[in-house]
């Protein structure tokens, strides 16, 4: 298991690109560090194994890395998403997500973060994302990345 909080943003993005290649396939393209317009990698086609091998995502899929140096950071931190005010990191990404959807660049959006995800936070984030966009949007944690990359 990697200590993701010890990685730089660039190193974490490299892990996310490796993850994208593993779950989407060899055609996954990672983008260089810099202004990314809400995407750190992209895949167009049928995903190799995401969200499952029985029902893969199809179309344009975007991965966005959201790294934090916080050891105990969580998706329920109000800095990431405050359900009362609908502010935070995820709502700030929404305009870029909507632009990509309207331009036909996005059907599926995957946020990969080293934040912890509780069942309550997942439910609140799912309600918010379903209300505010027409595409698939899922959160991927570092624990899931470890499982997918088989990192010990």
Protein backbone atom coordinates (compact mmCIF):
# COMPACT_ATOMS: atom_id res chain seq x y z
CA UNK A 1 0.00 0.00 0.00
CA UNK A 2 1.39 3.38 -1.00
CA UNK A 3 1.36 6.32 1.38
CA UNK A 4 -0.44 8.57 -1.10
CA UNK A 5 -0.29 11.61 1.18
CA UNK A 6 3.53 11.49 0.88
CA UNK A 7 3.41 11.75 -2.93
CA UNK A 8 3.65 15.03 -4.80
CA UNK A 9 0.68 16.03 -6.95
CA UNK A 10 2.67 14.97 -10.04
CA UNK A 11 3.51 11.57 -8.59
CA UNK A 12 -0.11 11.01 -7.63
CA UNK A 13 -1.18 11.90 -11.18
CA UNK A 14 1.27 9.27 -12.49
CA UNK A 15 -0.41 6.67 -10.26
CA UNK A 16 -3.80 7.79 -11.58
CA UNK A 17 -2.63 7.40 -15.19
CA UNK A 18 -1.39 3.86 -14.41
CA UNK A 19 -4.76 3.15 -12.81
CA UNK A 20 -6.56 4.51 -15.89
CA UNK A 21 -4.55 2.23 -18.17
CA UNK A 22 -5.35 -0.74 -15.94
CA UNK A 23 -9.12 -0.22 -15.71
CA UNK A 24 -9.85 1.38 -19.10
CA UNK A 25 -7.19 -0.22 -21.29
CA UNK A 26 -4.03 0.60 -23.21
CA UNK A 27 -5.79 3.39 -25.11
CA UNK A 28 -6.08 5.51 -21.96
CA UNK A 29 -4.17 8.78 -22.46
CA UNK A 30 -2.66 10.62 -19.51
CA UNK A 31 -2.07 14.36 -19.76
CA UNK A 32 1.01 16.24 -18.61
CA UNK A 33 0.99 18.32 -15.44
CA UNK A 34 -0.40 21.80 -15.91
CA UNK A 35 -3.76 23.40 -16.68
CA UNK A 36 -5.92 20.39 -17.32
CA UNK A 37 -9.42 21.75 -17.84
CA UNK A 38 -10.84 19.21 -15.40
CA UNK A 39 -9.10 16.12 -16.76
CA UNK A 40 -5.88 14.26 -16.03
CA UNK A 41 -6.57 11.47 -18.48
CA UNK A 42 -9.06 10.38 -21.12
CA UNK A 43 -10.31 7.21 -22.76
CA UNK A 44 -12.78 6.81 -25.61
CA UNK A 45 -14.34 3.41 -26.26
CA UNK A 46 -15.47 0.55 -24.06
CA UNK A 47 -13.63 0.31 -20.75
CA UNK A 48 -11.72 -2.88 -20.18
CA UNK A 49 -12.95 -3.42 -16.63
CA UNK A 50 -14.77 -0.41 -15.23
CA UNK A 51 -17.00 -0.18 -13.33
CA UNK A 52 -17.05 -3.97 -13.82
CA UNK A 53 -16.13 -6.50 -16.48
CA UNK A 54 -19.84 -7.36 -16.82
CA UNK A 55 -20.99 -3.77 -17.44
CA UNK A 56 -18.21 -1.52 -18.71
CA UNK A 57 -18.47 2.20 -19.29
CA UNK A 58 -18.75 3.18 -22.93
CA UNK A 59 -17.98 6.45 -24.67
CA UNK A 60 -15.67 9.21 -23.51
CA UNK A 61 -14.35 8.72 -19.97
CA UNK A 62 -12.36 11.32 -18.05
CA UNK A 63 -10.28 10.76 -14.93
CA UNK A 64 -9.56 13.67 -12.59
CA UNK A 65 -6.94 13.29 -9.85
CA UNK A 66 -7.65 15.07 -6.58
CA UNK A 67 -4.62 14.64 -4.33
CA UNK A 68 -4.27 15.86 -0.78
CA UNK A 69 -1.30 15.83 1.58
CA UNK A 70 -3.69 15.35 4.51
CA UNK A 71 -3.21 11.98 6.19
CA UNK A 72 -6.81 11.69 7.41
CA UNK A 73 -8.52 13.67 4.64
CA UNK A 74 -12.01 12.53 3.77
CA UNK A 75 -14.56 13.05 1.04
CA UNK A 76 -16.82 14.30 3.83
CA UNK A 77 -14.49 17.24 4.55
CA UNK A 78 -16.40 20.43 3.82
CA UNK A 79 -13.42 21.65 1.76
CA UNK A 80 -14.15 18.84 -0.71
CA UNK A 81 -17.94 19.04 -0.62
CA UNK A 82 -20.25 20.95 1.68
CA UNK A 83 -23.78 19.60 1.09
CA UNK A 84 -25.40 22.55 2.89
CA UNK A 85 -23.87 25.23 0.66
CA UNK A 86 -22.94 23.02 -2.33
CA UNK A 87 -19.40 24.40 -2.28
CA UNK A 88 -15.96 22.82 -2.30
CA UNK A 89 -13.61 21.04 -4.69
CA UNK A 90 -16.27 18.95 -6.47
CA UNK A 91 -18.74 21.79 -7.10
CA UNK A 92 -15.86 23.91 -8.45
CA UNK A 93 -15.26 21.19 -11.08
CA UNK A 94 -18.91 21.11 -12.16
CA UNK A 95 -18.73 23.93 -14.76
CA UNK A 96 -15.82 22.17 -16.51
CA UNK A 97 -17.68 18.85 -16.37
CA UNK A 98 -20.78 20.44 -17.91
CA UNK A 99 -18.69 22.10 -20.67
CA UNK A 100 -17.18 18.72 -21.59
CA UNK A 101 -20.61 17.05 -21.62
CA UNK A 102 -22.06 19.78 -23.85
CA UNK A 103 -19.06 19.51 -26.22
CA UNK A 104 -19.57 15.74 -26.51
CA UNK A 105 -16.24 15.06 -24.79
CA UNK A 106 -17.61 13.31 -21.72
CA UNK A 107 -20.04 10.56 -20.82
CA UNK A 108 -18.23 9.18 -17.75
CA UNK A 109 -16.29 11.05 -15.06
CA UNK A 110 -14.11 9.38 -12.44
CA UNK A 111 -12.60 11.32 -9.53
CA UNK A 112 -9.58 9.55 -8.02
CA UNK A 113 -8.45 10.76 -4.63
CA UNK A 114 -6.51 9.62 -1.60
CA UNK A 115 -9.36 10.79 0.60
CA UNK A 116 -11.30 8.34 2.76
CA UNK A 117 -14.87 7.60 1.67
CA UNK A 118 -17.64 6.76 4.13
CA UNK A 119 -21.02 5.39 3.14
CA UNK A 120 -22.76 8.59 4.26
CA UNK A 121 -20.41 10.84 2.27
CA UNK A 122 -20.76 8.62 -0.80
CA UNK A 123 -24.56 8.87 -0.66
CA UNK A 124 -24.49 12.69 -0.34
CA UNK A 125 -22.01 13.02 -3.21
CA UNK A 126 -24.03 10.66 -5.40
CA UNK A 127 -27.22 12.66 -4.81
CA UNK A 128 -25.38 15.89 -5.66
CA UNK A 129 -23.76 14.56 -8.83
CA UNK A 130 -26.96 12.92 -10.10
CA UNK A 131 -28.84 16.17 -9.57
CA UNK A 132 -26.23 18.25 -11.39
CA UNK A 133 -25.10 16.21 -14.39
CA UNK A 134 -26.43 13.64 -16.87
CA UNK A 135 -23.31 11.40 -17.04
CA UNK A 136 -21.86 8.65 -14.89
CA UNK A 137 -19.77 10.11 -12.07
CA UNK A 138 -17.97 7.96 -9.52
CA UNK A 139 -15.40 8.44 -6.78
CA UNK A 140 -12.35 6.17 -6.57
CA UNK A 141 -10.31 5.99 -3.38
CA UNK A 142 -6.67 5.08 -2.83
CA UNK A 143 -7.78 1.78 -1.27
CA UNK A 144 -9.52 0.89 -4.52
CA UNK A 145 -6.45 2.01 -6.46
CA UNK A 146 -4.28 -0.32 -4.37
CA UNK A 147 -6.67 -3.18 -5.17
CA UNK A 148 -6.74 -2.36 -8.90
CA UNK A 149 -2.99 -1.87 -9.17
CA UNK A 150 -2.22 -4.67 -6.72
CA UNK A 151 0.21 -2.47 -4.80
CA UNK A 152 1.51 -3.79 -1.49
